């Protein structure tokens, strides 16, 4: 039962529009299916790792951080998102769809690094996974250690991975039917969306 719950939590938690989702979509549009999938896979692995860490109590210290430190983390996260949004908006001006004879960019660690930075600088993810761990252990559905913790974390990661596979597949399939100008506009608006999320993250420290 707890494995099904974990899968559902991982899948649903990955759906809302956020910096990571926007980044995964942009990697698919700018490069190819593999790079978008790599970004999604990285997120799923981090989801599973954070969930397991929360279950084992490693993130309990995060809830005791000084509010000033939490605010600083939000500011850093906001600026990281804004920098990525600037790159997206800049790329949207010169983006072209690769033709059959063009060289497709080879696999690189850039999607992994981008997701990693976005993930670790987002304080809300620490709170989210700690809340999930507290709920599951509080109802004795999962123990804080042992195979149940590992299985639950893996199920959360799998649910997240399934969402990103569906998202990247959907974007990649539509890619061939989109005019280059629509690509540029899509990247541009994705950049604006990220910029808005970055500004909101920074401004939220005052509320």
N, C-alpha and C. Protein backbone atom coordinates (compact mmCIF):
# COMPACT_ATOMS: atom_id res chain seq x y z
N UNK A 1 0.82 -1.21 0.00
CA UNK A 1 0.00 0.00 0.00
C UNK A 1 0.86 1.27 0.00
N UNK A 2 1.87 1.29 0.86
CA UNK A 2 2.70 2.48 0.95
C UNK A 2 3.49 2.75 -0.33
N UNK A 3 3.77 1.68 -1.11
CA UNK A 3 4.47 1.85 -2.38
C UNK A 3 3.57 2.58 -3.38
N UNK A 4 2.29 2.23 -3.39
CA UNK A 4 1.32 2.90 -4.28
C UNK A 4 1.20 4.37 -3.89
N UNK A 5 1.13 4.62 -2.59
CA UNK A 5 1.05 6.01 -2.10
C UNK A 5 2.29 6.79 -2.52
N UNK A 6 3.45 6.16 -2.39
CA UNK A 6 4.70 6.81 -2.77
C UNK A 6 4.73 7.16 -4.25
N UNK A 7 4.28 6.21 -5.08
CA UNK A 7 4.23 6.46 -6.52
C UNK A 7 3.31 7.64 -6.83
N UNK A 8 2.15 7.65 -6.19
CA UNK A 8 1.18 8.73 -6.41
C UNK A 8 1.75 10.08 -5.97
N UNK A 9 2.40 10.12 -4.82
CA UNK A 9 2.99 11.36 -4.31
C UNK A 9 4.06 11.87 -5.27
N UNK A 10 4.94 10.98 -5.71
CA UNK A 10 6.01 11.37 -6.62
C UNK A 10 5.47 11.90 -7.93
N UNK A 11 4.43 11.25 -8.47
CA UNK A 11 3.85 11.66 -9.76
C UNK A 11 3.16 13.01 -9.64
N UNK A 12 2.31 13.15 -8.63
CA UNK A 12 1.53 14.38 -8.48
C UNK A 12 2.42 15.56 -8.10
N UNK A 13 3.41 15.32 -7.25
CA UNK A 13 4.29 16.40 -6.81
C UNK A 13 5.11 16.99 -7.96
N UNK A 14 5.32 16.21 -9.02
CA UNK A 14 6.14 16.67 -10.14
C UNK A 14 5.33 17.47 -11.15
N UNK A 15 4.00 17.44 -11.05
CA UNK A 15 3.17 18.05 -12.08
C UNK A 15 3.16 19.59 -12.06
N UNK A 16 3.02 20.24 -10.89
CA UNK A 16 2.88 21.70 -10.90
C UNK A 16 4.00 22.41 -11.65
N UNK A 17 3.62 23.51 -12.35
CA UNK A 17 4.61 24.29 -13.07
C UNK A 17 5.61 24.89 -12.10
N UNK A 18 6.87 24.68 -12.36
CA UNK A 18 7.93 25.23 -11.53
C UNK A 18 9.21 25.31 -12.33
N UNK A 19 10.28 25.81 -11.73
CA UNK A 19 11.55 25.96 -12.46
C UNK A 19 12.05 24.66 -13.09
N UNK A 20 11.92 23.55 -12.37
CA UNK A 20 12.43 22.28 -12.90
C UNK A 20 11.63 21.84 -14.12
N UNK A 21 10.30 21.91 -14.03
CA UNK A 21 9.47 21.53 -15.17
C UNK A 21 9.78 22.39 -16.39
N UNK A 22 9.92 23.69 -16.18
CA UNK A 22 10.23 24.59 -17.28
C UNK A 22 11.59 24.26 -17.87
N UNK A 23 12.55 23.94 -17.00
CA UNK A 23 13.90 23.60 -17.46
C UNK A 23 13.89 22.31 -18.28
N UNK A 24 13.13 21.32 -17.83
CA UNK A 24 13.04 20.05 -18.56
C UNK A 24 12.45 20.27 -19.95
N UNK A 25 11.38 21.06 -20.03
CA UNK A 25 10.75 21.36 -21.32
C UNK A 25 11.72 22.11 -22.22
N UNK A 26 12.43 23.08 -21.66
CA UNK A 26 13.35 23.88 -22.48
C UNK A 26 14.50 23.04 -23.01
N UNK A 27 14.98 22.07 -22.23
CA UNK A 27 16.04 21.19 -22.70
C UNK A 27 15.57 20.34 -23.87
N UNK A 28 14.31 19.89 -23.80
CA UNK A 28 13.74 19.10 -24.89
C UNK A 28 13.61 19.93 -26.16
N UNK A 29 13.16 21.17 -26.02
CA UNK A 29 12.97 22.03 -27.17
C UNK A 29 14.30 22.50 -27.77
N UNK A 30 15.22 22.90 -26.92
CA UNK A 30 16.49 23.46 -27.39
C UNK A 30 17.42 22.40 -27.94
N UNK A 31 17.36 21.19 -27.38
CA UNK A 31 18.35 20.18 -27.75
C UNK A 31 17.66 18.96 -28.35
N UNK A 32 17.26 18.01 -27.51
CA UNK A 32 16.56 16.84 -28.05
C UNK A 32 15.88 16.08 -26.92
N UNK A 33 15.23 14.99 -27.29
CA UNK A 33 14.49 14.18 -26.31
C UNK A 33 15.40 13.68 -25.19
N UNK A 34 16.61 13.23 -25.58
CA UNK A 34 17.50 12.64 -24.59
C UNK A 34 17.88 13.63 -23.49
N UNK A 35 18.17 14.89 -23.87
CA UNK A 35 18.58 15.88 -22.88
C UNK A 35 17.41 16.23 -21.95
N UNK A 36 16.19 16.29 -22.52
CA UNK A 36 15.02 16.52 -21.68
C UNK A 36 14.80 15.36 -20.72
N UNK A 37 14.95 14.14 -21.23
CA UNK A 37 14.79 12.96 -20.39
C UNK A 37 15.86 12.92 -19.30
N UNK A 38 17.09 13.32 -19.65
CA UNK A 38 18.19 13.31 -18.67
C UNK A 38 17.89 14.28 -17.54
N UNK A 39 17.33 15.45 -17.88
CA UNK A 39 16.96 16.42 -16.85
C UNK A 39 15.85 15.85 -15.96
N UNK A 40 14.86 15.19 -16.58
CA UNK A 40 13.79 14.59 -15.80
C UNK A 40 14.27 13.45 -14.93
N UNK A 41 15.17 12.64 -15.46
CA UNK A 41 15.73 11.53 -14.68
C UNK A 41 16.50 12.04 -13.47
N UNK A 42 17.25 13.12 -13.66
CA UNK A 42 18.00 13.71 -12.56
C UNK A 42 17.06 14.17 -11.46
N UNK A 43 15.96 14.79 -11.85
CA UNK A 43 14.97 15.25 -10.87
C UNK A 43 14.38 14.07 -10.11
N UNK A 44 14.05 13.00 -10.81
CA UNK A 44 13.48 11.82 -10.16
C UNK A 44 14.44 11.21 -9.16
N UNK A 45 15.71 11.15 -9.52
CA UNK A 45 16.73 10.61 -8.60
C UNK A 45 16.84 11.49 -7.36
N UNK A 46 16.83 12.81 -7.57
CA UNK A 46 16.91 13.73 -6.43
C UNK A 46 15.67 13.64 -5.56
N UNK A 47 14.50 13.44 -6.17
CA UNK A 47 13.27 13.26 -5.39
C UNK A 47 13.40 12.05 -4.47
N UNK A 48 13.86 10.94 -5.04
CA UNK A 48 14.02 9.72 -4.25
C UNK A 48 15.05 9.91 -3.14
N UNK A 49 16.16 10.57 -3.47
CA UNK A 49 17.23 10.78 -2.49
C UNK A 49 16.76 11.68 -1.35
N UNK A 50 16.06 12.76 -1.67
CA UNK A 50 15.59 13.68 -0.64
C UNK A 50 14.52 13.03 0.23
N UNK A 51 13.65 12.23 -0.40
CA UNK A 51 12.62 11.52 0.35
C UNK A 51 13.25 10.55 1.35
N UNK A 52 14.23 9.78 0.89
CA UNK A 52 14.90 8.83 1.77
C UNK A 52 15.64 9.55 2.89
N UNK A 53 16.31 10.65 2.54
CA UNK A 53 17.03 11.42 3.57
C UNK A 53 16.07 11.97 4.61
N UNK A 54 14.91 12.43 4.16
CA UNK A 54 13.91 12.96 5.10
C UNK A 54 13.39 11.86 6.01
N UNK A 55 13.15 10.69 5.44
CA UNK A 55 12.67 9.56 6.24
C UNK A 55 13.69 9.14 7.30
N UNK A 56 14.94 9.24 6.96
CA UNK A 56 15.99 8.82 7.89
C UNK A 56 16.38 9.94 8.86
N UNK A 57 15.72 11.09 8.72
CA UNK A 57 15.95 12.16 9.68
C UNK A 57 17.09 13.09 9.34
N UNK A 58 17.74 12.90 8.18
CA UNK A 58 18.88 13.74 7.84
C UNK A 58 18.49 15.19 7.58
N UNK A 59 17.21 15.41 7.19
CA UNK A 59 16.79 16.78 6.87
C UNK A 59 16.11 17.48 8.04
N UNK A 60 16.08 16.82 9.20
CA UNK A 60 15.43 17.44 10.34
C UNK A 60 16.12 18.73 10.74
N UNK A 61 17.42 18.80 10.48
CA UNK A 61 18.17 20.00 10.82
C UNK A 61 17.72 21.19 9.97
N UNK A 62 17.19 20.92 8.78
CA UNK A 62 16.76 21.99 7.89
C UNK A 62 15.60 22.78 8.50
N UNK A 63 14.75 22.09 9.27
CA UNK A 63 13.59 22.76 9.86
C UNK A 63 14.00 23.68 11.00
N UNK A 64 15.24 23.55 11.46
CA UNK A 64 15.71 24.37 12.57
C UNK A 64 16.63 25.49 12.12
N UNK A 65 16.71 25.68 10.81
CA UNK A 65 17.57 26.73 10.29
C UNK A 65 17.05 28.10 10.70
N UNK A 66 17.98 29.00 10.94
CA UNK A 66 17.63 30.39 11.23
C UNK A 66 16.85 30.97 10.05
N UNK A 67 15.77 31.72 10.31
CA UNK A 67 14.99 32.32 9.22
C UNK A 67 15.84 33.12 8.24
N UNK A 68 16.92 33.74 8.74
CA UNK A 68 17.79 34.52 7.87
C UNK A 68 18.49 33.62 6.86
N UNK A 69 18.86 32.40 7.28
CA UNK A 69 19.50 31.45 6.38
C UNK A 69 18.51 30.98 5.32
N UNK A 70 17.26 30.71 5.74
CA UNK A 70 16.24 30.30 4.79
C UNK A 70 15.99 31.41 3.76
N UNK A 71 15.98 32.65 4.23
CA UNK A 71 15.78 33.78 3.31
C UNK A 71 16.92 33.88 2.31
N UNK A 72 18.15 33.66 2.81
CA UNK A 72 19.32 33.71 1.93
C UNK A 72 19.23 32.63 0.86
N UNK A 73 18.78 31.43 1.24
CA UNK A 73 18.64 30.34 0.29
C UNK A 73 17.60 30.69 -0.78
N UNK A 74 16.53 31.37 -0.36
CA UNK A 74 15.51 31.78 -1.32
C UNK A 74 16.06 32.80 -2.31
N UNK A 75 16.88 33.72 -1.80
CA UNK A 75 17.47 34.74 -2.68
C UNK A 75 18.39 34.07 -3.69
N UNK A 76 19.22 33.13 -3.23
CA UNK A 76 20.13 32.41 -4.13
C UNK A 76 19.33 31.65 -5.18
N UNK A 77 18.27 30.95 -4.73
CA UNK A 77 17.43 30.19 -5.66
C UNK A 77 16.80 31.12 -6.69
N UNK A 78 16.33 32.27 -6.23
CA UNK A 78 15.70 33.23 -7.14
C UNK A 78 16.66 33.71 -8.21
N UNK A 79 17.89 34.04 -7.82
CA UNK A 79 18.87 34.52 -8.79
C UNK A 79 19.29 33.42 -9.76
N UNK A 80 19.39 32.19 -9.28
CA UNK A 80 19.72 31.06 -10.17
C UNK A 80 18.65 30.91 -11.24
N UNK A 81 17.38 30.97 -10.81
CA UNK A 81 16.27 30.85 -11.76
C UNK A 81 16.27 32.00 -12.75
N UNK A 82 16.54 33.21 -12.28
CA UNK A 82 16.56 34.38 -13.17
C UNK A 82 17.69 34.26 -14.18
N UNK A 83 18.85 33.76 -13.77
CA UNK A 83 19.97 33.58 -14.71
C UNK A 83 19.61 32.58 -15.81
N UNK A 84 18.96 31.48 -15.41
CA UNK A 84 18.54 30.48 -16.40
C UNK A 84 17.49 31.07 -17.34
N UNK A 85 16.59 31.89 -16.77
CA UNK A 85 15.56 32.51 -17.61
C UNK A 85 16.19 33.47 -18.62
N UNK A 86 17.23 34.18 -18.20
CA UNK A 86 17.92 35.09 -19.12
C UNK A 86 18.53 34.31 -20.28
N UNK A 87 19.11 33.16 -19.96
CA UNK A 87 19.71 32.32 -21.01
C UNK A 87 18.64 31.83 -21.98
N UNK A 88 17.48 31.44 -21.45
CA UNK A 88 16.39 30.97 -22.30
C UNK A 88 15.91 32.08 -23.24
N UNK A 89 15.70 33.28 -22.68
CA UNK A 89 15.23 34.40 -23.49
C UNK A 89 16.27 34.76 -24.56
N UNK A 90 17.55 34.71 -24.17
CA UNK A 90 18.63 35.00 -25.13
C UNK A 90 18.66 33.96 -26.24
N UNK A 91 18.52 32.68 -25.88
CA UNK A 91 18.55 31.61 -26.87
C UNK A 91 17.33 31.66 -27.80
N UNK A 92 16.22 32.18 -27.29
CA UNK A 92 15.00 32.21 -28.09
C UNK A 92 15.16 33.10 -29.33
N UNK A 93 16.06 34.07 -29.28
CA UNK A 93 16.24 34.99 -30.39
C UNK A 93 16.97 34.35 -31.57
N UNK A 94 17.82 33.36 -31.27
CA UNK A 94 18.64 32.75 -32.33
C UNK A 94 18.34 31.27 -32.56
N UNK A 95 17.27 30.78 -31.94
CA UNK A 95 17.00 29.34 -32.01
C UNK A 95 16.54 28.92 -33.40
N UNK A 96 17.09 27.80 -33.89
CA UNK A 96 16.65 27.20 -35.15
C UNK A 96 16.47 25.70 -34.94
N UNK A 97 15.52 25.11 -35.64
CA UNK A 97 15.29 23.68 -35.54
C UNK A 97 16.35 22.94 -36.34
N UNK A 98 17.08 22.00 -35.75
CA UNK A 98 18.10 21.25 -36.48
C UNK A 98 17.51 20.51 -37.67
N UNK A 99 18.20 20.55 -38.81
CA UNK A 99 17.78 19.82 -39.99
C UNK A 99 18.46 18.45 -39.99
N UNK A 100 18.09 17.63 -40.97
CA UNK A 100 18.62 16.26 -41.02
C UNK A 100 20.14 16.23 -41.08
N UNK A 101 20.74 17.20 -41.77
CA UNK A 101 22.18 17.19 -41.93
C UNK A 101 22.93 17.91 -40.82
N UNK A 102 22.18 18.54 -39.92
CA UNK A 102 22.83 19.28 -38.84
C UNK A 102 23.32 18.33 -37.76
N UNK A 103 24.33 18.79 -37.07
CA UNK A 103 24.88 18.00 -35.97
C UNK A 103 24.08 18.28 -34.71
N UNK A 104 23.49 17.24 -34.16
CA UNK A 104 22.73 17.39 -32.94
C UNK A 104 23.71 17.43 -31.77
N UNK A 105 23.50 18.33 -30.78
CA UNK A 105 24.41 18.41 -29.64
C UNK A 105 24.53 17.06 -28.93
N UNK A 106 25.73 16.70 -28.60
CA UNK A 106 25.95 15.43 -27.91
C UNK A 106 25.50 15.53 -26.47
N UNK A 107 25.30 14.39 -25.85
CA UNK A 107 24.87 14.37 -24.46
C UNK A 107 25.91 15.05 -23.59
N UNK A 108 25.43 15.88 -22.67
CA UNK A 108 26.33 16.60 -21.80
C UNK A 108 25.75 16.63 -20.40
N UNK A 109 26.57 17.04 -19.45
CA UNK A 109 26.12 17.09 -18.05
C UNK A 109 25.33 18.34 -17.75
N UNK A 110 25.13 19.22 -18.74
CA UNK A 110 24.45 20.49 -18.49
C UNK A 110 23.04 20.31 -17.94
N UNK A 111 22.20 19.40 -18.50
CA UNK A 111 20.87 19.20 -17.92
C UNK A 111 20.94 18.73 -16.48
N UNK A 112 21.90 17.85 -16.18
CA UNK A 112 22.06 17.33 -14.83
C UNK A 112 22.45 18.46 -13.88
N UNK A 113 23.41 19.26 -14.29
CA UNK A 113 23.89 20.36 -13.45
C UNK A 113 22.80 21.40 -13.24
N UNK A 114 22.07 21.73 -14.30
CA UNK A 114 21.00 22.72 -14.18
C UNK A 114 19.94 22.29 -13.20
N UNK A 115 19.48 21.04 -13.31
CA UNK A 115 18.46 20.53 -12.39
C UNK A 115 19.01 20.47 -10.97
N UNK A 116 20.25 20.04 -10.83
CA UNK A 116 20.86 19.91 -9.50
C UNK A 116 20.89 21.26 -8.78
N UNK A 117 21.31 22.30 -9.50
CA UNK A 117 21.37 23.64 -8.90
C UNK A 117 19.98 24.14 -8.53
N UNK A 118 19.03 23.96 -9.44
CA UNK A 118 17.66 24.39 -9.17
C UNK A 118 17.08 23.65 -7.96
N UNK A 119 17.42 22.39 -7.85
CA UNK A 119 16.85 21.55 -6.80
C UNK A 119 17.41 21.91 -5.42
N UNK A 120 18.73 21.96 -5.31
CA UNK A 120 19.33 22.15 -3.99
C UNK A 120 19.15 23.56 -3.45
N UNK A 121 18.83 24.52 -4.32
CA UNK A 121 18.64 25.90 -3.85
C UNK A 121 17.18 26.22 -3.60
N UNK A 122 16.31 25.20 -3.64
CA UNK A 122 14.89 25.41 -3.41
C UNK A 122 14.51 24.93 -2.02
N UNK A 123 14.37 25.82 -1.05
CA UNK A 123 14.07 25.41 0.33
C UNK A 123 12.73 24.71 0.46
N UNK A 124 11.78 25.02 -0.40
CA UNK A 124 10.45 24.42 -0.29
C UNK A 124 10.49 22.91 -0.49
N UNK A 125 11.48 22.43 -1.25
CA UNK A 125 11.60 20.99 -1.46
C UNK A 125 12.02 20.27 -0.19
N UNK A 126 12.90 20.92 0.60
CA UNK A 126 13.27 20.34 1.88
C UNK A 126 12.03 20.19 2.76
N UNK A 127 11.24 21.26 2.82
CA UNK A 127 10.04 21.26 3.67
C UNK A 127 9.03 20.23 3.16
N UNK A 128 8.87 20.17 1.84
CA UNK A 128 7.90 19.23 1.27
C UNK A 128 8.22 17.79 1.62
N UNK A 129 9.47 17.38 1.38
CA UNK A 129 9.82 15.98 1.63
C UNK A 129 9.85 15.67 3.12
N UNK A 130 10.17 16.66 3.94
CA UNK A 130 10.13 16.44 5.38
C UNK A 130 8.67 16.24 5.83
N UNK A 131 7.75 17.02 5.23
CA UNK A 131 6.33 16.87 5.56
C UNK A 131 5.82 15.50 5.13
N UNK A 132 6.24 15.05 3.93
CA UNK A 132 5.83 13.73 3.44
C UNK A 132 6.34 12.64 4.39
N UNK A 133 7.62 12.77 4.76
CA UNK A 133 8.21 11.77 5.66
C UNK A 133 7.52 11.76 7.01
N UNK A 134 7.21 12.95 7.54
CA UNK A 134 6.53 13.04 8.83
C UNK A 134 5.14 12.43 8.79
N UNK A 135 4.43 12.65 7.69
CA UNK A 135 3.08 12.10 7.55
C UNK A 135 3.11 10.57 7.47
N UNK A 136 4.02 10.06 6.65
CA UNK A 136 4.10 8.60 6.46
C UNK A 136 4.55 7.88 7.72
N UNK A 137 5.56 8.43 8.38
CA UNK A 137 6.04 7.79 9.61
C UNK A 137 5.07 8.01 10.76
N UNK A 138 4.38 9.16 10.77
CA UNK A 138 3.43 9.46 11.82
C UNK A 138 2.24 8.51 11.82
N UNK A 139 1.88 8.02 10.65
CA UNK A 139 0.78 7.07 10.53
C UNK A 139 1.28 5.63 10.48
N UNK A 140 2.57 5.45 10.76
CA UNK A 140 3.19 4.12 10.80
C UNK A 140 3.04 3.35 9.48
N UNK A 141 2.96 4.10 8.38
CA UNK A 141 2.89 3.46 7.07
C UNK A 141 4.29 3.10 6.57
N UNK A 142 5.27 3.88 7.02
CA UNK A 142 6.65 3.66 6.63
C UNK A 142 7.53 3.87 7.85
N UNK A 143 8.52 3.03 8.03
CA UNK A 143 9.48 3.21 9.11
C UNK A 143 10.58 4.18 8.66
N UNK A 144 11.23 4.81 9.64
CA UNK A 144 12.25 5.80 9.32
C UNK A 144 13.54 5.17 8.80
N UNK A 145 13.63 3.88 8.84
CA UNK A 145 14.81 3.19 8.30
C UNK A 145 14.38 1.80 7.83
N UNK A 146 15.30 1.12 7.16
CA UNK A 146 14.99 -0.22 6.70
C UNK A 146 14.43 -0.23 5.29
N UNK A 147 13.95 -1.40 4.86
CA UNK A 147 13.55 -1.59 3.48
C UNK A 147 12.31 -0.79 3.11
N UNK A 148 11.41 -0.54 4.08
CA UNK A 148 10.20 0.22 3.76
C UNK A 148 10.54 1.67 3.36
N UNK A 149 11.52 2.26 4.03
CA UNK A 149 11.94 3.63 3.69
C UNK A 149 12.53 3.67 2.29
N UNK A 150 13.36 2.68 1.98
CA UNK A 150 13.99 2.62 0.66
C UNK A 150 12.93 2.39 -0.42
N UNK A 151 11.99 1.48 -0.16
CA UNK A 151 10.95 1.17 -1.14
C UNK A 151 10.04 2.38 -1.38
N UNK A 152 9.70 3.08 -0.31
CA UNK A 152 8.83 4.24 -0.44
C UNK A 152 9.52 5.35 -1.23
N UNK A 153 10.79 5.62 -0.90
CA UNK A 153 11.55 6.65 -1.61
C UNK A 153 11.69 6.30 -3.08
N UNK A 154 11.96 5.01 -3.37
CA UNK A 154 12.10 4.56 -4.75
C UNK A 154 10.77 4.73 -5.50
N UNK A 155 9.65 4.46 -4.84
CA UNK A 155 8.34 4.61 -5.46
C UNK A 155 8.07 6.08 -5.78
N UNK A 156 8.46 6.98 -4.88
CA UNK A 156 8.31 8.42 -5.14
C UNK A 156 9.13 8.83 -6.35
N UNK A 157 10.36 8.34 -6.41
CA UNK A 157 11.23 8.65 -7.55
C UNK A 157 10.67 8.10 -8.85
N UNK A 158 10.09 6.90 -8.80
CA UNK A 158 9.51 6.29 -10.00
C UNK A 158 8.31 7.08 -10.49
N UNK A 159 7.47 7.51 -9.55
CA UNK A 159 6.32 8.32 -9.92
C UNK A 159 6.74 9.61 -10.59
N UNK A 160 7.76 10.25 -10.04
CA UNK A 160 8.30 11.48 -10.62
C UNK A 160 8.86 11.21 -12.02
N UNK A 161 9.59 10.11 -12.17
CA UNK A 161 10.19 9.76 -13.45
C UNK A 161 9.12 9.53 -14.52
N UNK A 162 8.04 8.85 -14.15
CA UNK A 162 6.97 8.59 -15.12
C UNK A 162 6.38 9.91 -15.62
N UNK A 163 6.18 10.86 -14.72
CA UNK A 163 5.65 12.16 -15.14
C UNK A 163 6.59 12.83 -16.14
N UNK A 164 7.88 12.85 -15.84
CA UNK A 164 8.82 13.53 -16.72
C UNK A 164 8.97 12.80 -18.06
N UNK A 165 8.86 11.48 -18.05
CA UNK A 165 8.89 10.74 -19.30
C UNK A 165 7.70 11.12 -20.18
N UNK A 166 6.52 11.24 -19.57
CA UNK A 166 5.33 11.64 -20.31
C UNK A 166 5.45 13.07 -20.82
N UNK A 167 5.97 13.95 -19.97
CA UNK A 167 6.12 15.35 -20.35
C UNK A 167 7.09 15.51 -21.51
N UNK A 168 8.26 14.89 -21.41
CA UNK A 168 9.27 15.01 -22.46
C UNK A 168 8.79 14.36 -23.75
N UNK A 169 8.12 13.23 -23.64
CA UNK A 169 7.60 12.54 -24.83
C UNK A 169 6.57 13.42 -25.53
N UNK A 170 5.69 14.05 -24.76
CA UNK A 170 4.67 14.92 -25.33
C UNK A 170 5.30 16.09 -26.07
N UNK A 171 6.26 16.74 -25.41
CA UNK A 171 6.92 17.91 -26.02
C UNK A 171 7.70 17.49 -27.27
N UNK A 172 8.42 16.36 -27.19
CA UNK A 172 9.23 15.90 -28.32
C UNK A 172 8.35 15.53 -29.52
N UNK A 173 7.21 14.93 -29.28
CA UNK A 173 6.31 14.54 -30.38
C UNK A 173 5.74 15.77 -31.08
N UNK A 174 5.45 16.80 -30.30
CA UNK A 174 4.90 18.03 -30.88
C UNK A 174 5.97 18.84 -31.58
N UNK A 175 7.22 18.54 -31.28
CA UNK A 175 8.34 19.33 -31.78
C UNK A 175 8.37 19.40 -33.31
N UNK A 176 8.10 18.28 -33.96
CA UNK A 176 8.19 18.22 -35.42
C UNK A 176 7.08 19.00 -36.12
N UNK A 177 6.03 19.34 -35.37
CA UNK A 177 4.90 20.02 -35.99
C UNK A 177 4.84 21.51 -35.63
N UNK A 178 5.87 21.98 -34.98
CA UNK A 178 5.88 23.38 -34.55
C UNK A 178 6.81 24.19 -35.45
N UNK A 179 6.34 25.32 -35.91
CA UNK A 179 7.14 26.22 -36.74
C UNK A 179 8.27 26.81 -35.91
N UNK A 180 9.45 27.06 -36.51
CA UNK A 180 10.58 27.64 -35.77
C UNK A 180 10.22 28.89 -34.97
N UNK A 181 9.35 29.73 -35.54
CA UNK A 181 8.96 30.95 -34.83
C UNK A 181 8.20 30.62 -33.56
N UNK A 182 7.41 29.54 -33.61
CA UNK A 182 6.69 29.12 -32.40
C UNK A 182 7.67 28.59 -31.35
N UNK A 183 8.71 27.91 -31.82
CA UNK A 183 9.75 27.46 -30.90
C UNK A 183 10.35 28.64 -30.16
N UNK A 184 10.70 29.67 -30.93
CA UNK A 184 11.33 30.84 -30.32
C UNK A 184 10.39 31.51 -29.32
N UNK A 185 9.11 31.59 -29.70
CA UNK A 185 8.15 32.20 -28.78
C UNK A 185 7.97 31.34 -27.53
N UNK A 186 7.96 30.01 -27.73
CA UNK A 186 7.81 29.11 -26.59
C UNK A 186 8.97 29.26 -25.62
N UNK A 187 10.20 29.27 -26.16
CA UNK A 187 11.37 29.45 -25.30
C UNK A 187 11.32 30.82 -24.61
N UNK A 188 10.88 31.82 -25.34
CA UNK A 188 10.80 33.18 -24.78
C UNK A 188 9.83 33.21 -23.60
N UNK A 189 8.64 32.63 -23.80
CA UNK A 189 7.65 32.66 -22.72
C UNK A 189 8.03 31.74 -21.56
N UNK A 190 8.73 30.65 -21.87
CA UNK A 190 9.27 29.82 -20.79
C UNK A 190 10.27 30.61 -19.96
N UNK A 191 11.08 31.41 -20.66
CA UNK A 191 12.05 32.27 -19.97
C UNK A 191 11.35 33.29 -19.09
N UNK A 192 10.28 33.89 -19.61
CA UNK A 192 9.53 34.86 -18.82
C UNK A 192 8.89 34.19 -17.60
N UNK A 193 8.38 32.97 -17.82
CA UNK A 193 7.76 32.24 -16.70
C UNK A 193 8.79 31.96 -15.61
N UNK A 194 9.99 31.55 -16.03
CA UNK A 194 11.05 31.30 -15.06
C UNK A 194 11.44 32.59 -14.33
N UNK A 195 11.53 33.68 -15.08
CA UNK A 195 11.89 34.97 -14.47
C UNK A 195 10.86 35.35 -13.41
N UNK A 196 9.58 35.13 -13.74
CA UNK A 196 8.53 35.42 -12.78
C UNK A 196 8.64 34.57 -11.52
N UNK A 197 8.96 33.29 -11.72
CA UNK A 197 9.15 32.40 -10.57
C UNK A 197 10.34 32.82 -9.73
N UNK A 198 11.41 33.28 -10.40
CA UNK A 198 12.59 33.73 -9.68
C UNK A 198 12.31 34.97 -8.85
N UNK A 199 11.61 35.93 -9.46
CA UNK A 199 11.26 37.16 -8.75
C UNK A 199 10.33 36.85 -7.57
N UNK A 200 9.36 35.96 -7.82
CA UNK A 200 8.44 35.58 -6.75
C UNK A 200 9.17 34.93 -5.58
N UNK A 201 10.15 34.08 -5.90
CA UNK A 201 10.93 33.41 -4.86
C UNK A 201 11.64 34.41 -3.97
N UNK A 202 12.23 35.44 -4.61
CA UNK A 202 12.94 36.46 -3.84
C UNK A 202 11.97 37.31 -3.02
N UNK A 203 10.88 37.73 -3.66
CA UNK A 203 9.91 38.60 -2.99
C UNK A 203 9.23 37.87 -1.84
N UNK A 204 9.10 36.54 -1.95
CA UNK A 204 8.37 35.77 -0.92
C UNK A 204 9.03 35.83 0.45
N UNK A 205 10.29 36.24 0.52
CA UNK A 205 10.97 36.31 1.82
C UNK A 205 10.38 37.43 2.68
N UNK A 206 9.63 38.34 2.06
CA UNK A 206 9.04 39.44 2.80
C UNK A 206 7.62 39.14 3.28
N UNK A 207 7.13 37.94 2.95
CA UNK A 207 5.77 37.59 3.35
C UNK A 207 5.76 36.41 4.31
